Amino acid sequence: MENGNKLGMTLSFFIIVLIGLVLLRTTADEVSKVTEYSSYEVNETITFTGTSNQSTVAEDDLIAGLTFQNDSGYEHTAGDDWNLSLTTGVVTIAGNLTADGTGTFYLDYTYTPDDYVVDGTARTLVGLVTIFFALAILGIGAGYAINLLKDFI
């Protein structure tokens, strides 16, 4: 093999591995964001008008801890005064609140980010992306190393 060709292969090898390592870190960071469980607490204000008894909370991936209070701090009872759909994030006032269901209410709740992968199998498969990416970089590096060293062996 010519020296110019060896130099070109060596330079290509280092560039590809360097770019691969930078992309590996970025890929691993993004994978960890969607696979690691995290939750956030929110204090939100919603307003009901006389025309609608429904409102949607800002974060729709609710998991727990919803409290529903009026302006004076009275905490309304779930099921009697209001209902919540955890899948859609729609709050519906009902029962005792339907007659005077206008006004501002305060919600406290906990939610997970929209990009969190809920299914355990899917989280595992997404986690494997980083491993296979690292193996691909290793394979490319090994292939270049073998090509460069075969003249010496």
Protein backbone atom coordinates (compact mmCIF):
# COMPACT_ATOMS: atom_id res chain seq x y z
CA MET A 1 0.00 0.00 0.00
CA GLU A 2 1.28 3.47 -0.83
CA ASN A 3 2.25 5.89 1.89
CA GLY A 4 -0.25 8.49 0.58
CA ASN A 5 -3.07 5.94 0.74
CA LYS A 6 -2.06 4.93 4.29
CA LEU A 7 -2.01 8.56 5.35
CA GLY A 8 -5.46 9.12 3.85
CA MET A 9 -6.86 6.04 5.58
CA THR A 10 -5.30 7.03 8.89
CA LEU A 11 -6.68 10.54 8.65
CA SER A 12 -10.13 9.20 7.68
CA PHE A 13 -10.02 6.77 10.59
CA PHE A 14 -9.31 9.50 13.14
CA ILE A 15 -11.94 11.85 11.71
CA ILE A 16 -14.63 9.15 11.67
CA VAL A 17 -13.83 7.99 15.20
CA LEU A 18 -13.70 11.57 16.50
CA ILE A 19 -17.07 12.44 14.94
CA GLY A 20 -18.48 9.12 16.15
CA LEU A 21 -17.39 9.76 19.73
CA VAL A 22 -18.93 13.25 19.73
CA LEU A 23 -22.18 11.88 18.31
CA LEU A 24 -22.08 8.98 20.80
CA ARG A 25 -22.15 11.39 23.73
CA THR A 26 -25.01 13.39 22.20
CA THR A 27 -26.95 10.21 21.44
CA ALA A 28 -26.41 8.89 24.96
CA ASP A 29 -27.62 12.19 26.47
CA GLU A 30 -30.79 12.17 24.38
CA VAL A 31 -31.46 8.51 25.16
CA SER A 32 -31.09 9.14 28.89
CA LYS A 33 -33.60 12.02 28.70
CA VAL A 34 -36.35 9.79 27.32
CA THR A 35 -35.60 6.68 29.38
CA GLU A 36 -34.85 8.03 32.87
CA TYR A 37 -37.94 8.68 34.96
CA SER A 38 -38.33 12.24 36.17
CA SER A 39 -41.33 14.12 37.45
CA TYR A 40 -42.06 17.79 37.93
CA GLU A 41 -44.50 19.64 40.16
CA VAL A 42 -46.65 22.41 38.73
CA ASN A 43 -48.78 25.15 40.24
CA GLU A 44 -51.22 26.17 37.54
CA THR A 45 -54.13 28.58 37.34
CA ILE A 46 -57.13 27.75 35.15
CA THR A 47 -60.27 29.77 34.53
CA PHE A 48 -63.71 28.36 33.80
CA THR A 49 -66.36 30.44 32.08
CA GLY A 50 -70.11 29.96 32.14
CA THR A 51 -70.07 28.44 28.63
CA SER A 52 -67.79 25.47 29.34
CA ASN A 53 -67.28 23.21 32.31
CA GLN A 54 -64.01 21.75 30.95
CA SER A 55 -60.45 22.96 30.79
CA THR A 56 -57.20 21.28 29.84
CA VAL A 57 -54.13 21.49 32.06
CA ALA A 58 -50.86 22.61 30.49
CA GLU A 59 -49.05 19.32 31.01
CA ASP A 60 -51.10 16.31 29.94
CA ASP A 61 -48.91 13.47 31.26
CA LEU A 62 -50.22 13.70 34.81
CA ILE A 63 -49.20 11.05 37.27
CA ALA A 64 -50.39 12.09 40.71
CA GLY A 65 -51.09 14.65 43.35
CA LEU A 66 -53.75 16.88 41.83
CA THR A 67 -55.33 19.37 44.19
CA PHE A 68 -58.08 21.70 43.04
CA GLN A 69 -58.60 24.93 45.01
CA ASN A 70 -60.70 28.04 44.49
CA ASP A 71 -59.70 31.70 45.04
CA SER A 72 -60.26 31.49 48.79
CA GLY A 73 -58.08 28.38 49.16
CA TYR A 74 -60.91 25.88 49.65
CA GLU A 75 -59.82 22.49 48.34
CA HIS A 76 -62.58 20.87 46.31
CA THR A 77 -63.21 17.13 46.44
CA ALA A 78 -62.32 14.88 43.51
CA GLY A 79 -65.35 13.13 42.09
CA ASP A 80 -67.84 15.40 43.88
CA ASP A 81 -66.69 18.76 42.56
CA TRP A 82 -64.35 17.90 39.69
CA ASN A 83 -63.05 15.02 37.60
CA LEU A 84 -59.74 14.58 35.81
CA SER A 85 -58.70 12.42 32.88
CA LEU A 86 -55.05 11.44 33.43
CA THR A 87 -54.62 10.48 29.78
CA THR A 88 -55.90 13.73 28.25
CA GLY A 89 -55.38 16.22 31.08
CA VAL A 90 -58.97 17.48 30.85
CA VAL A 91 -60.43 18.79 34.10
CA THR A 92 -64.24 18.79 34.23
CA ILE A 93 -66.12 20.61 36.96
CA ALA A 94 -69.12 18.68 38.19
CA GLY A 95 -71.55 18.24 41.03
CA ASN A 96 -71.46 21.09 43.52
CA LEU A 97 -69.46 23.37 41.21
CA THR A 98 -71.71 23.21 38.13
CA ALA A 99 -74.06 25.94 39.37
CA ASP A 100 -71.29 28.46 40.01
CA GLY A 101 -68.54 26.91 37.92
CA THR A 102 -67.11 30.16 36.75
CA GLY A 103 -63.98 31.70 38.14
CA THR A 104 -60.32 30.99 38.73
CA PHE A 105 -59.08 27.76 40.25
CA TYR A 106 -55.62 26.66 41.27
CA LEU A 107 -54.21 23.23 40.46
CA ASP A 108 -51.17 21.52 41.91
CA TYR A 109 -50.10 18.32 40.21
CA THR A 110 -47.15 16.16 39.24
CA TYR A 111 -46.39 15.16 35.65
CA THR A 112 -43.75 13.44 33.52
CA PRO A 113 -42.27 15.12 30.43
CA ASP A 114 -43.93 14.43 27.07
CA ASP A 115 -40.86 12.70 25.63
CA TYR A 116 -40.58 10.15 28.49
CA VAL A 117 -40.96 6.59 27.15
CA VAL A 118 -43.49 4.92 29.43
CA ASP A 119 -43.28 1.35 28.12
CA GLY A 120 -40.43 -0.65 29.71
CA THR A 121 -39.68 -2.68 26.59
CA ALA A 122 -39.46 0.45 24.47
CA ARG A 123 -37.10 2.04 27.02
CA THR A 124 -34.85 -1.02 26.78
CA LEU A 125 -34.80 -0.90 22.98
CA VAL A 126 -34.08 2.83 22.96
CA GLY A 127 -31.25 2.20 25.42
CA LEU A 128 -29.74 -0.33 23.04
CA VAL A 129 -29.33 2.37 20.39
CA THR A 130 -26.34 3.78 22.27
CA ILE A 131 -24.74 0.35 22.65
CA PHE A 132 -25.11 -0.50 18.96
CA PHE A 133 -23.81 2.94 17.97
CA ALA A 134 -20.72 2.38 20.12
CA LEU A 135 -20.24 -1.09 18.59
CA ALA A 136 -20.49 0.41 15.10
CA ILE A 137 -17.77 2.94 15.91
CA LEU A 138 -15.65 0.13 17.35
CA GLY A 139 -16.21 -1.97 14.22
CA ILE A 140 -15.25 0.89 11.92
CA GLY A 141 -12.14 1.52 14.00
CA ALA A 142 -11.19 -2.16 13.98
CA GLY A 143 -11.72 -2.36 10.21
CA TYR A 144 -9.46 0.60 9.56
CA ALA A 145 -6.84 -0.70 11.98
CA ILE A 146 -6.79 -4.10 10.30
CA ASN A 147 -6.43 -2.50 6.85
CA LEU A 148 -3.60 -0.28 8.05
CA LEU A 149 -1.74 -3.03 9.89
CA LYS A 150 -2.07 -5.86 7.37
CA ASP A 151 1.01 -4.65 5.47
CA PHE A 152 3.05 -4.96 8.68
CA ILE A 153 1.91 -8.47 9.54
